C-alpha atoms as a PDB file:
ATOM      1  CA  UNK A   1     -98.949  47.452 -12.993  1.00  0.00           C
ATOM      2  CA  UNK A   2     -96.972  44.246 -12.200  1.00  0.00           C
ATOM      3  CA  UNK A   3     -96.839  43.006 -15.566  1.00  0.00           C
ATOM      4  CA  UNK A   4     -95.293  46.435 -16.390  1.00  0.00           C
ATOM      5  CA  UNK A   5     -92.582  46.067 -13.782  1.00  0.00           C
ATOM      6  CA  UNK A   6     -91.804  42.530 -14.903  1.00  0.00           C
ATOM      7  CA  UNK A   7     -91.017  43.827 -18.254  1.00  0.00           C
ATOM      8  CA  UNK A   8     -88.900  46.053 -17.170  1.00  0.00           C
ATOM      9  CA  UNK A   9     -91.370  49.109 -18.872  1.00  0.00           C
ATOM     10  CA  UNK A  10     -92.226  50.419 -14.909  1.00  0.00           C
ATOM     11  CA  UNK A  11     -90.516  52.561 -12.109  1.00  0.00           C
ATOM     12  CA  UNK A  12     -86.947  50.341 -11.115  1.00  0.00           C
ATOM     13  CA  UNK A  13     -86.476  49.018  -7.850  1.00  0.00           C
ATOM     14  CA  UNK A  14     -84.812  50.810  -5.704  1.00  0.00           C
ATOM     15  CA  UNK A  15     -82.194  49.328  -3.064  1.00  0.00           C
ATOM     16  CA  UNK A  16     -81.094  51.133  -0.088  1.00  0.00           C
ATOM     17  CA  UNK A  17     -77.796  52.806   0.588  1.00  0.00           C
ATOM     18  CA  UNK A  18     -77.405  54.771  -2.994  1.00  0.00           C
ATOM     19  CA  UNK A  19     -75.172  57.827  -3.865  1.00  0.00           C
ATOM     20  CA  UNK A  20     -76.301  61.257  -2.471  1.00  0.00           C
ATOM     21  CA  UNK A  21     -77.869  60.196   0.473  1.00  0.00           C
ATOM     22  CA  UNK A  22     -80.856  57.941  -1.968  1.00  0.00           C
ATOM     23  CA  UNK A  23     -82.624  55.490  -0.118  1.00  0.00           C
ATOM     24  CA  UNK A  24     -81.871  53.482  -2.628  1.00  0.00           C
ATOM     25  CA  UNK A  25     -80.146  52.690  -6.180  1.00  0.00           C
ATOM     26  CA  UNK A  26     -81.351  50.646  -9.010  1.00  0.00           C
ATOM     27  CA  UNK A  27     -80.232  47.052  -8.105  1.00  0.00           C
ATOM     28  CA  UNK A  28     -79.074  46.713 -12.116  1.00  0.00           C
ATOM     29  CA  UNK A  29     -75.923  48.996 -11.200  1.00  0.00           C
ATOM     30  CA  UNK A  30     -75.040  46.680  -8.676  1.00  0.00           C
ATOM     31  CA  UNK A  31     -73.126  44.301 -11.388  1.00  0.00           C
ATOM     32  CA  UNK A  32     -71.168  46.973 -13.267  1.00  0.00           C
ATOM     33  CA  UNK A  33     -70.340  49.044 -10.059  1.00  0.00           C
ATOM     34  CA  UNK A  34     -68.507  45.504  -8.316  1.00  0.00           C
ATOM     35  CA  UNK A  35     -67.057  45.199 -11.855  1.00  0.00           C
ATOM     36  CA  UNK A  36     -65.048  48.478 -11.648  1.00  0.00           C
ATOM     37  CA  UNK A  37     -64.192  47.621  -8.742  1.00  0.00           C
ATOM     38  CA  UNK A  38     -61.958  44.485  -9.628  1.00  0.00           C
ATOM     39  CA  UNK A  39     -61.194  46.265 -12.512  1.00  0.00           C
ATOM     40  CA  UNK A  40     -59.920  49.397 -10.636  1.00  0.00           C
ATOM     41  CA  UNK A  41     -57.771  46.683  -8.374  1.00  0.00           C
ATOM     42  CA  UNK A  42     -57.433  47.522  -4.276  1.00  0.00           C
ATOM     43  CA  UNK A  43     -58.808  50.671  -2.707  1.00  0.00           C
ATOM     44  CA  UNK A  44     -56.330  53.508  -2.171  1.00  0.00           C
ATOM     45  CA  UNK A  45     -56.013  56.737  -1.914  1.00  0.00           C
ATOM     46  CA  UNK A  46     -57.431  57.355  -5.146  1.00  0.00           C
ATOM     47  CA  UNK A  47     -60.227  55.969  -4.303  1.00  0.00           C
ATOM     48  CA  UNK A  48     -61.079  58.425  -1.423  1.00  0.00           C
ATOM     49  CA  UNK A  49     -59.733  55.831   1.042  1.00  0.00           C
ATOM     50  CA  UNK A  50     -57.299  56.979   3.875  1.00  0.00           C
ATOM     51  CA  UNK A  51     -54.635  54.122   4.245  1.00  0.00           C
ATOM     52  CA  UNK A  52     -51.244  54.300   6.989  1.00  0.00           C
ATOM     53  CA  UNK A  53     -48.766  54.702   4.083  1.00  0.00           C
ATOM     54  CA  UNK A  54     -47.171  50.654   4.586  1.00  0.00           C
ATOM     55  CA  UNK A  55     -47.164  48.593   1.649  1.00  0.00           C
ATOM     56  CA  UNK A  56     -48.698  44.666   3.021  1.00  0.00           C
ATOM     57  CA  UNK A  57     -45.697  42.276   2.286  1.00  0.00           C
ATOM     58  CA  UNK A  58     -45.660  40.813  -0.791  1.00  0.00           C
ATOM     59  CA  UNK A  59     -44.006  37.080  -1.777  1.00  0.00           C
ATOM     60  CA  UNK A  60     -41.045  37.212  -3.220  1.00  0.00           C
ATOM     61  CA  UNK A  61     -41.145  34.019  -5.296  1.00  0.00           C
ATOM     62  CA  UNK A  62     -39.121  31.387  -4.080  1.00  0.00           C
ATOM     63  CA  UNK A  63     -37.095  33.178  -1.731  1.00  0.00           C
ATOM     64  CA  UNK A  64     -40.752  33.266  -0.264  1.00  0.00           C
ATOM     65  CA  UNK A  65     -40.358  29.620   0.996  1.00  0.00           C
ATOM     66  CA  UNK A  66     -37.420  30.250   2.420  1.00  0.00           C
ATOM     67  CA  UNK A  67     -38.829  32.389   4.924  1.00  0.00           C
ATOM     68  CA  UNK A  68     -41.186  29.727   6.824  1.00  0.00           C
ATOM     69  CA  UNK A  69     -38.408  28.183   9.408  1.00  0.00           C
ATOM     70  CA  UNK A  70     -38.500  24.296   8.668  1.00  0.00           C
ATOM     71  CA  UNK A  71     -40.292  22.287  11.506  1.00  0.00           C
ATOM     72  CA  UNK A  72     -38.387  20.351  14.211  1.00  0.00           C
ATOM     73  CA  UNK A  73     -38.618  16.509  14.004  1.00  0.00           C
ATOM     74  CA  UNK A  74     -39.984  15.545  17.589  1.00  0.00           C
ATOM     75  CA  UNK A  75     -37.377  13.278  20.088  1.00  0.00           C
ATOM     76  CA  UNK A  76     -39.983  10.845  20.245  1.00  0.00           C
ATOM     77  CA  UNK A  77     -39.724  10.794  16.561  1.00  0.00           C
ATOM     78  CA  UNK A  78     -36.016  10.609  16.448  1.00  0.00           C
ATOM     79  CA  UNK A  79     -35.061   8.380  18.927  1.00  0.00           C
ATOM     80  CA  UNK A  80     -36.342   4.926  17.704  1.00  0.00           C
ATOM     81  CA  UNK A  81     -33.541   5.904  14.598  1.00  0.00           C
ATOM     82  CA  UNK A  82     -31.043   6.694  17.284  1.00  0.00           C
ATOM     83  CA  UNK A  83     -31.528   3.525  18.658  1.00  0.00           C
ATOM     84  CA  UNK A  84     -31.783   1.666  15.222  1.00  0.00           C
ATOM     85  CA  UNK A  85     -27.494   3.177  14.797  1.00  0.00           C
ATOM     86  CA  UNK A  86     -26.228   2.415  18.093  1.00  0.00           C
ATOM     87  CA  UNK A  87     -27.692  -1.459  17.417  1.00  0.00           C
ATOM     88  CA  UNK A  88     -26.285  -1.716  13.919  1.00  0.00           C
ATOM     89  CA  UNK A  89     -23.104   0.243  14.908  1.00  0.00           C
ATOM     90  CA  UNK A  90     -22.521  -2.066  18.341  1.00  0.00           C
ATOM     91  CA  UNK A  91     -23.098  -4.964  15.405  1.00  0.00           C
ATOM     92  CA  UNK A  92     -20.151  -4.177  13.312  1.00  0.00           C
ATOM     93  CA  UNK A  93     -17.883  -3.527  16.351  1.00  0.00           C
ATOM     94  CA  UNK A  94     -18.757  -6.703  17.528  1.00  0.00           C
ATOM     95  CA  UNK A  95     -18.541  -8.977  14.558  1.00  0.00           C
ATOM     96  CA  UNK A  96     -15.287  -7.184  13.279  1.00  0.00           C
ATOM     97  CA  UNK A  97     -13.547  -5.571  15.724  1.00  0.00           C
ATOM     98  CA  UNK A  98     -14.229  -5.834  19.856  1.00  0.00           C
ATOM     99  CA  UNK A  99     -16.018  -8.262  22.016  1.00  0.00           C
ATOM    100  CA  UNK A 100     -16.592  -9.125  25.405  1.00  0.00           C
ATOM    101  CA  UNK A 101     -16.233 -11.616  27.047  1.00  0.00           C
ATOM    102  CA  UNK A 102     -16.626 -12.796  31.018  1.00  0.00           C
ATOM    103  CA  UNK A 103     -14.307 -15.119  32.189  1.00  0.00           C
ATOM    104  CA  UNK A 104     -16.286 -18.711  33.657  1.00  0.00           C
ATOM    105  CA  UNK A 105     -13.880 -20.159  35.834  1.00  0.00           C
ATOM    106  CA  UNK A 106     -10.235 -19.928  37.993  1.00  0.00           C
ATOM    107  CA  UNK A 107      -8.438 -21.791  35.388  1.00  0.00           C
ATOM    108  CA  UNK A 108      -6.444 -18.326  34.355  1.00  0.00           C
ATOM    109  CA  UNK A 109      -5.404 -16.568  37.565  1.00  0.00           C
ATOM    110  CA  UNK A 110      -3.789 -14.547  38.988  1.00  0.00           C
ATOM    111  CA  UNK A 111      -4.151 -13.093  35.355  1.00  0.00           C
ATOM    112  CA  UNK A 112      -7.731 -13.269  34.799  1.00  0.00           C
ATOM    113  CA  UNK A 113     -10.272 -13.516  37.525  1.00  0.00           C
ATOM    114  CA  UNK A 114     -13.817 -15.450  37.063  1.00  0.00           C
ATOM    115  CA  UNK A 115     -15.805 -13.032  36.722  1.00  0.00           C
ATOM    116  CA  UNK A 116     -13.928 -10.235  35.165  1.00  0.00           C
ATOM    117  CA  UNK A 117     -14.924  -8.939  31.816  1.00  0.00           C
ATOM    118  CA  UNK A 118     -12.438  -9.078  28.907  1.00  0.00           C
ATOM    119  CA  UNK A 119     -12.316  -7.545  25.451  1.00  0.00           C
ATOM    120  CA  UNK A 120     -11.030  -9.201  22.435  1.00  0.00           C
ATOM    121  CA  UNK A 121      -9.635  -8.203  19.571  1.00  0.00           C
ATOM    122  CA  UNK A 122     -11.725  -9.481  16.292  1.00  0.00           C
ATOM    123  CA  UNK A 123     -10.090  -7.217  14.117  1.00  0.00           C
ATOM    124  CA  UNK A 124      -6.447  -8.331  12.868  1.00  0.00           C
ATOM    125  CA  UNK A 125      -7.292 -11.651  12.575  1.00  0.00           C
ATOM    126  CA  UNK A 126      -9.329 -10.062   9.401  1.00  0.00           C
ATOM    127  CA  UNK A 127      -6.215  -8.851   8.201  1.00  0.00           C
ATOM    128  CA  UNK A 128      -4.350 -12.450   8.423  1.00  0.00           C
ATOM    129  CA  UNK A 129      -3.249 -12.187  11.523  1.00  0.00           C
ATOM    130  CA  UNK A 130      -2.386 -14.976  13.649  1.00  0.00           C
ATOM    131  CA  UNK A 131      -1.954 -16.228  17.515  1.00  0.00           C
ATOM    132  CA  UNK A 132       1.350 -15.470  19.036  1.00  0.00           C
ATOM    133  CA  UNK A 133       3.349 -16.953  21.765  1.00  0.00           C
ATOM    134  CA  UNK A 134       2.698 -15.486  24.698  1.00  0.00           C
ATOM    135  CA  UNK A 135      -0.853 -14.084  23.546  1.00  0.00           C
ATOM    136  CA  UNK A 136      -4.265 -14.685  26.020  1.00  0.00           C
ATOM    137  CA  UNK A 137      -6.528 -15.839  23.141  1.00  0.00           C
ATOM    138  CA  UNK A 138      -9.968 -17.037  23.246  1.00  0.00           C
ATOM    139  CA  UNK A 139     -11.318 -19.776  21.284  1.00  0.00           C
ATOM    140  CA  UNK A 140     -14.180 -21.793  20.705  1.00  0.00           C
ATOM    141  CA  UNK A 141     -14.501 -25.505  22.036  1.00  0.00           C
ATOM    142  CA  UNK A 142     -12.691 -27.768  20.173  1.00  0.00           C
ATOM    143  CA  UNK A 143     -14.777 -30.740  20.767  1.00  0.00           C
ATOM    144  CA  UNK A 144     -15.632 -32.364  24.366  1.00  0.00           C
ATOM    145  CA  UNK A 145     -12.958 -29.534  26.223  1.00  0.00           C
ATOM    146  CA  UNK A 146     -16.010 -28.216  28.324  1.00  0.00           C
ATOM    147  CA  UNK A 147     -18.163 -31.206  28.113  1.00  0.00           C
ATOM    148  CA  UNK A 148     -21.879 -31.466  28.431  1.00  0.00           C
ATOM    149  CA  UNK A 149     -21.941 -27.809  30.805  1.00  0.00           C
ATOM    150  CA  UNK A 150     -25.925 -27.380  31.945  1.00  0.00           C
ATOM    151  CA  UNK A 151     -27.223 -23.887  30.672  1.00  0.00           C
ATOM    152  CA  UNK A 152     -28.457 -21.752  33.765  1.00  0.00           C
ATOM    153  CA  UNK A 153     -32.281 -20.540  33.452  1.00  0.00           C
ATOM    154  CA  UNK A 154     -31.813 -16.602  34.447  1.00  0.00           C
ATOM    155  CA  UNK A 155     -35.958 -16.905  33.712  1.00  0.00           C
ATOM    156  CA  UNK A 156     -37.528 -14.789  30.646  1.00  0.00           C
ATOM    157  CA  UNK A 157     -36.827 -11.386  31.408  1.00  0.00           C
ATOM    158  CA  UNK A 158     -33.199 -11.757  32.565  1.00  0.00           C
ATOM    159  CA  UNK A 159     -32.509 -14.277  30.107  1.00  0.00           C
ATOM    160  CA  UNK A 160     -34.020 -12.414  26.689  1.00  0.00           C
ATOM    161  CA  UNK A 161     -31.392  -9.315  28.462  1.00  0.00           C
ATOM    162  CA  UNK A 162     -28.677 -11.521  28.015  1.00  0.00           C
ATOM    163  CA  UNK A 163     -29.594 -12.618  24.734  1.00  0.00           C
ATOM    164  CA  UNK A 164     -29.844  -8.641  23.908  1.00  0.00           C
ATOM    165  CA  UNK A 165     -26.622  -8.060  25.372  1.00  0.00           C
ATOM    166  CA  UNK A 166     -25.133 -10.756  23.631  1.00  0.00           C
ATOM    167  CA  UNK A 167     -26.466 -10.245  20.512  1.00  0.00           C
ATOM    168  CA  UNK A 168     -24.956  -6.218  20.172  1.00  0.00           C
ATOM    169  CA  UNK A 169     -21.633  -7.774  22.148  1.00  0.00           C
ATOM    170  CA  UNK A 170     -21.634  -6.207  25.486  1.00  0.00           C
ATOM    171  CA  UNK A 171     -22.246  -9.881  26.766  1.00  0.00           C
ATOM    172  CA  UNK A 172     -21.587 -13.234  26.384  1.00  0.00           C
ATOM    173  CA  UNK A 173     -23.925 -15.721  24.969  1.00  0.00           C
ATOM    174  CA  UNK A 174     -25.563 -18.706  27.005  1.00  0.00           C
ATOM    175  CA  UNK A 175     -25.123 -20.594  24.217  1.00  0.00           C
ATOM    176  CA  UNK A 176     -21.333 -20.184  23.130  1.00  0.00           C
ATOM    177  CA  UNK A 177     -19.226 -22.588  24.242  1.00  0.00           C
ATOM    178  CA  UNK A 178     -15.913 -20.426  24.316  1.00  0.00           C
ATOM    179  CA  UNK A 179     -12.512 -21.045  26.433  1.00  0.00           C
ATOM    180  CA  UNK A 180      -9.781 -18.587  27.156  1.00  0.00           C
ATOM    181  CA  UNK A 181      -5.675 -19.750  27.806  1.00  0.00           C
ATOM    182  CA  UNK A 182      -2.529 -18.715  26.818  1.00  0.00           C
ATOM    183  CA  UNK A 183      -1.051 -19.654  23.508  1.00  0.00           C
ATOM    184  CA  UNK A 184       2.878 -21.490  24.471  1.00  0.00           C
ATOM    185  CA  UNK A 185       3.622 -22.925  21.239  1.00  0.00           C
ATOM    186  CA  UNK A 186       2.639 -22.366  17.542  1.00  0.00           C
ATOM    187  CA  UNK A 187       2.564 -24.480  14.334  1.00  0.00           C
ATOM    188  CA  UNK A 188       5.990 -25.727  14.232  1.00  0.00           C
ATOM    189  CA  UNK A 189       7.134 -25.480  17.440  1.00  0.00           C
ATOM    190  CA  UNK A 190       8.146 -28.141  19.645  1.00  0.00           C
ATOM    191  CA  UNK A 191       6.837 -28.175  23.037  1.00  0.00           C
ATOM    192  CA  UNK A 192       7.440 -30.249  26.205  1.00  0.00           C
ATOM    193  CA  UNK A 193       7.265 -30.419  30.105  1.00  0.00           C
ATOM    194  CA  UNK A 194       9.106 -33.104  31.831  1.00  0.00           C
ATOM    195  CA  UNK A 195       7.292 -32.456  35.356  1.00  0.00           C
ATOM    196  CA  UNK A 196       8.507 -31.910  38.712  1.00  0.00           C
ATOM    197  CA  UNK A 197       9.690 -27.879  38.752  1.00  0.00           C
ATOM    198  CA  UNK A 198      11.571 -28.133  35.459  1.00  0.00           C
ATOM    199  CA  UNK A 199      10.236 -25.613  32.896  1.00  0.00           C
ATOM    200  CA  UNK A 200       8.299 -25.531  29.901  1.00  0.00           C
ATOM    201  CA  UNK A 201      10.447 -25.869  27.013  1.00  0.00           C
ATOM    202  CA  UNK A 202       9.523 -24.400  23.798  1.00  0.00           C
ATOM    203  CA  UNK A 203      12.005 -25.403  20.541  1.00  0.00           C
ATOM    204  CA  UNK A 204      14.707 -26.429  23.201  1.00  0.00           C
ATOM    205  CA  UNK A 205      14.004 -22.846  25.063  1.00  0.00           C
ATOM    206  CA  UNK A 206      12.892 -23.190  28.719  1.00  0.00           C
ATOM    207  CA  UNK A 207       9.830 -20.440  29.558  1.00  0.00           C
ATOM    208  CA  UNK A 208      10.091 -18.294  32.488  1.00  0.00           C
ATOM    209  CA  UNK A 209       6.915 -17.956  33.333  1.00  0.00           C
ATOM    210  CA  UNK A 210       6.009 -15.510  36.251  1.00  0.00           C
ATOM    211  CA  UNK A 211       2.386 -15.347  35.303  1.00  0.00           C
ATOM    212  CA  UNK A 212       1.677 -18.847  36.500  1.00  0.00           C
ATOM    213  CA  UNK A 213      -0.728 -19.303  39.797  1.00  0.00           C
ATOM    214  CA  UNK A 214       1.589 -18.875  43.172  1.00  0.00           C
ATOM    215  CA  UNK A 215       2.116 -22.679  44.128  1.00  0.00           C
ATOM    216  CA  UNK A 216       1.932 -24.406  40.669  1.00  0.00           C
ATOM    217  CA  UNK A 217       4.473 -25.699  38.703  1.00  0.00           C
ATOM    218  CA  UNK A 218       4.978 -24.967  35.528  1.00  0.00           C
ATOM    219  CA  UNK A 219       3.318 -28.290  33.922  1.00  0.00           C
ATOM    220  CA  UNK A 220       1.405 -29.237  37.706  1.00  0.00           C
ATOM    221  CA  UNK A 221       0.676 -32.981  37.810  1.00  0.00           C
ATOM    222  CA  UNK A 222       0.423 -33.727  33.759  1.00  0.00           C
ATOM    223  CA  UNK A 223       3.999 -33.890  32.140  1.00  0.00           C
ATOM    224  CA  UNK A 224       3.752 -33.802  28.289  1.00  0.00           C
ATOM    225  CA  UNK A 225       6.066 -33.865  25.046  1.00  0.00           C
ATOM    226  CA  UNK A 226       8.042 -33.447  23.614  1.00  0.00           C
ATOM    227  CA  UNK A 227       5.341 -32.404  20.625  1.00  0.00           C
ATOM    228  CA  UNK A 228       5.310 -31.124  17.560  1.00  0.00           C
ATOM    229  CA  UNK A 229       2.896 -28.399  17.075  1.00  0.00           C
ATOM    230  CA  UNK A 230       0.985 -29.321  13.513  1.00  0.00           C
ATOM    231  CA  UNK A 231       0.897 -25.772  10.859  1.00  0.00           C
ATOM    232  CA  UNK A 232      -1.972 -24.098  11.491  1.00  0.00           C
ATOM    233  CA  UNK A 233      -2.600 -24.845  15.268  1.00  0.00           C
ATOM    234  CA  UNK A 234      -1.400 -23.837  18.545  1.00  0.00           C
ATOM    235  CA  UNK A 235      -0.774 -25.203  22.234  1.00  0.00           C
ATOM    236  CA  UNK A 236      -2.726 -23.909  24.876  1.00  0.00           C
ATOM    237  CA  UNK A 237      -1.945 -23.751  28.322  1.00  0.00           C
ATOM    238  CA  UNK A 238      -4.328 -21.856  31.381  1.00  0.00           C
ATOM    239  CA  UNK A 239      -1.593 -19.859  34.124  1.00  0.00           C
ATOM    240  CA  UNK A 240      -3.692 -21.896  36.703  1.00  0.00           C
ATOM    241  CA  UNK A 241      -1.793 -25.033  35.923  1.00  0.00           C
ATOM    242  CA  UNK A 242      -3.392 -26.996  38.292  1.00  0.00           C
ATOM    243  CA  UNK A 243      -6.755 -25.906  37.450  1.00  0.00           C
ATOM    244  CA  UNK A 244      -6.841 -26.000  33.696  1.00  0.00           C
ATOM    245  CA  UNK A 245      -8.067 -28.706  31.492  1.00  0.00           C
ATOM    246  CA  UNK A 246      -5.944 -27.476  28.925  1.00  0.00           C
ATOM    247  CA  UNK A 247      -3.865 -28.855  25.809  1.00  0.00           C
ATOM    248  CA  UNK A 248      -2.067 -30.969  28.184  1.00  0.00           C
ATOM    249  CA  UNK A 249      -4.794 -32.915  29.072  1.00  0.00           C
ATOM    250  CA  UNK A 250      -6.563 -33.687  25.265  1.00  0.00           C
ATOM    251  CA  UNK A 251      -3.281 -35.650  24.051  1.00  0.00           C
ATOM    252  CA  UNK A 252      -5.184 -38.323  23.723  1.00  0.00           C
ATOM    253  CA  UNK A 253      -8.442 -37.470  21.996  1.00  0.00           C
ATOM    254  CA  UNK A 254      -7.620 -36.730  18.625  1.00  0.00           C
ATOM    255  CA  UNK A 255      -4.419 -37.224  16.566  1.00  0.00           C
ATOM    256  CA  UNK A 256      -3.366 -33.123  17.287  1.00  0.00           C
ATOM    257  CA  UNK A 257      -2.558 -34.169  20.653  1.00  0.00           C
ATOM    258  CA  UNK A 258      -4.622 -31.741  22.273  1.00  0.00           C
ATOM    259  CA  UNK A 259      -3.701 -28.817  19.906  1.00  0.00           C
ATOM    260  CA  UNK A 260      -6.324 -26.165  18.752  1.00  0.00           C
ATOM    261  CA  UNK A 261      -6.701 -24.607  15.484  1.00  0.00           C
ATOM    262  CA  UNK A 262      -6.281 -21.399  14.536  1.00  0.00           C
ATOM    263  CA  UNK A 263      -9.997 -21.309  12.744  1.00  0.00           C
ATOM    264  CA  UNK A 264     -11.088 -22.138  16.319  1.00  0.00           C
ATOM    265  CA  UNK A 265      -9.668 -18.917  17.534  1.00  0.00           C
ATOM    266  CA  UNK A 266     -11.953 -16.013  18.079  1.00  0.00           C
ATOM    267  CA  UNK A 267      -9.790 -13.402  18.928  1.00  0.00           C
ATOM    268  CA  UNK A 268      -6.961 -12.145  21.291  1.00  0.00           C
ATOM    269  CA  UNK A 269      -7.825 -11.126  24.647  1.00  0.00           C
ATOM    270  CA  UNK A 270      -6.237  -7.509  24.588  1.00  0.00           C
ATOM    271  CA  UNK A 271      -7.782  -5.584  27.866  1.00  0.00           C
ATOM    272  CA  UNK A 272      -9.378  -6.134  31.169  1.00  0.00           C
ATOM    273  CA  UNK A 273     -12.670  -3.928  30.992  1.00  0.00           C
ATOM    274  CA  UNK A 274     -14.503  -4.983  34.257  1.00  0.00           C
ATOM    275  CA  UNK A 275     -14.674  -4.282  36.907  1.00  0.00           C
ATOM    276  CA  UNK A 276     -12.843  -0.944  36.704  1.00  0.00           C
ATOM    277  CA  UNK A 277     -10.237  -1.744  39.445  1.00  0.00           C
ATOM    278  CA  UNK A 278      -8.943  -4.564  37.759  1.00  0.00           C
ATOM    279  CA  UNK A 279      -8.552  -2.812  34.346  1.00  0.00           C
ATOM    280  CA  UNK A 280      -5.587  -3.783  33.031  1.00  0.00           C
ATOM    281  CA  UNK A 281      -3.851  -4.747  29.707  1.00  0.00           C
ATOM    282  CA  UNK A 282      -2.944  -8.008  28.689  1.00  0.00           C
ATOM    283  CA  UNK A 283       0.511  -7.897  27.353  1.00  0.00           C
ATOM    284  CA  UNK A 284       2.716 -10.654  25.844  1.00  0.00           C
ATOM    285  CA  UNK A 285       5.429 -11.959  28.623  1.00  0.00           C
ATOM    286  CA  UNK A 286       8.988 -10.944  27.809  1.00  0.00           C
ATOM    287  CA  UNK A 287      10.163 -14.528  28.113  1.00  0.00           C
ATOM    288  CA  UNK A 288       8.205 -14.906  24.678  1.00  0.00           C
ATOM    289  CA  UNK A 289      10.827 -12.310  23.434  1.00  0.00           C
ATOM    290  CA  UNK A 290      13.853 -14.025  23.961  1.00  0.00           C
ATOM    291  CA  UNK A 291      16.592 -15.003  21.309  1.00  0.00           C
ATOM    292  CA  UNK A 292      16.677 -18.078  19.600  1.00  0.00           C
ATOM    293  CA  UNK A 293      12.781 -19.408  20.986  1.00  0.00           C
ATOM    294  CA  UNK A 294      10.807 -19.560  17.273  1.00  0.00           C
ATOM    295  CA  UNK A 295      11.585 -22.562  15.253  1.00  0.00           C
ATOM    296  CA  UNK A 296      12.706 -21.034  12.546  1.00  0.00           C
ATOM    297  CA  UNK A 297      15.354 -19.323  14.339  1.00  0.00           C
ATOM    298  CA  UNK A 298      16.531 -22.042  15.960  1.00  0.00           C
ATOM    299  CA  UNK A 299      17.212 -23.694  12.622  1.00  0.00           C
ATOM    300  CA  UNK A 300      18.903 -20.698  11.657  1.00  0.00           C
ATOM    301  CA  UNK A 301      22.675 -21.553  12.451  1.00  0.00           C
ATOM    302  CA  UNK A 302      22.676 -24.957  10.741  1.00  0.00           C
ATOM    303  CA  UNK A 303      20.666 -23.508   7.559  1.00  0.00           C
ATOM    304  CA  UNK A 304      24.050 -20.654   7.752  1.00  0.00           C
ATOM    305  CA  UNK A 305      26.604 -22.925   8.182  1.00  0.00           C
ATOM    306  CA  UNK A 306      25.280 -25.035   5.353  1.00  0.00           C
ATOM    307  CA  UNK A 307      24.739 -22.141   3.265  1.00  0.00           C
ATOM    308  CA  UNK A 308      28.062 -21.150   4.235  1.00  0.00           C
ATOM    309  CA  UNK A 309      30.114 -24.570   3.677  1.00  0.00           C
ATOM    310  CA  UNK A 310      28.790 -25.192  -0.186  1.00  0.00           C
ATOM    311  CA  UNK A 311      30.934 -22.798  -1.733  1.00  0.00           C
ATOM    312  CA  UNK A 312      34.023 -23.060   0.530  1.00  0.00           C
ATOM    313  CA  UNK A 313      33.820 -26.955  -0.862  1.00  0.00           C
ATOM    314  CA  UNK A 314      33.344 -26.150  -4.198  1.00  0.00           C
ATOM    315  CA  UNK A 315      36.684 -23.345  -3.998  1.00  0.00           C
ATOM    316  CA  UNK A 316      38.116 -26.414  -2.329  1.00  0.00           C
ATOM    317  CA  UNK A 317      37.414 -28.889  -5.186  1.00  0.00           C
ATOM    318  CA  UNK A 318      38.270 -26.343  -8.140  1.00  0.00           C
ATOM    319  CA  UNK A 319      41.284 -25.889  -6.487  1.00  0.00           C
ATOM    320  CA  UNK A 320      42.526 -29.846  -6.480  1.00  0.00           C
ATOM    321  CA  UNK A 321      41.613 -29.773 -10.183  1.00  0.00           C
ATOM    322  CA  UNK A 322      43.609 -27.173 -11.329  1.00  0.00           C
ATOM    323  CA  UNK A 323      46.798 -28.753  -9.154  1.00  0.00           C
ATOM    324  CA  UNK A 324      46.104 -32.011 -10.706  1.00  0.00           C
ATOM    325  CA  UNK A 325      45.995 -30.233 -14.142  1.00  0.00           C
ATOM    326  CA  UNK A 326      49.240 -28.649 -13.675  1.00  0.00           C
ATOM    327  CA  UNK A 327      51.031 -31.672 -12.284  1.00  0.00           C
ATOM    328  CA  UNK A 328      49.961 -33.690 -15.585  1.00  0.00           C
ATOM    329  CA  UNK A 329      51.812 -31.021 -17.732  1.00  0.00           C
END
């Protein structure tokens, strides 16, 4: 009997749960039933099943992807990117536009006080702008003006913070040696001061300097000149004339007689930005706008006179020549 069952000649084995309440159905019918259900597709009302009448959502090709909201990036992931962008912008601003400098001494009182923070315009020099008379400018030490200034040890934390802030232009560097003075004369000008209470004279024009520290004389105890400022250089002086080691005190140090190269100029100080109660601009005083102050303007009257005299002389010589020819004829 057992052999007949294995060879398929015996009675087929039954499975429970067959149709019509039979205790089972032949095992061999199950694959055909599964296949017919797969081919018929999902069950529906035609198959005798009850449905709610709602169709399941279907994907609509490309539009299905648009329906899925994108996950927003975490704030902490975006923070390094924002910090990096801010540092790059700050570095660009410091290099090409504006830089902050701290006033280290009283040499520019009362215009500037020790500890003031000024903003320096570094943009216009990139477009060929040159220092002008009356401007307050920051420039690198031409050599020996500051001497061997000992560097302060602020500790690792404060020192590191200063390096970061100076790198992005929010603080002056402790390693750089810069000075700040007022431009009195530029290349081609002749400047002098005879001492006592005599004014500083530029191209024969005396300067009215209300910005000088109260009680100071125009050249303090250091008269100078006349000095012809070489082309491409400037003559600078501090507003606190009795407390400023400026161009007057470096006349004998080199062949340029205390003048500063325009290439050493970092830029023009335009605003006192800190402390807030001292916020102010740094305009050019009116005395530097007086007529005839420019060396070119001072030379203009003789040049115009010469230009006008040449045609007159030629006309007069021509008249004399014509008269002599008429007399001979």
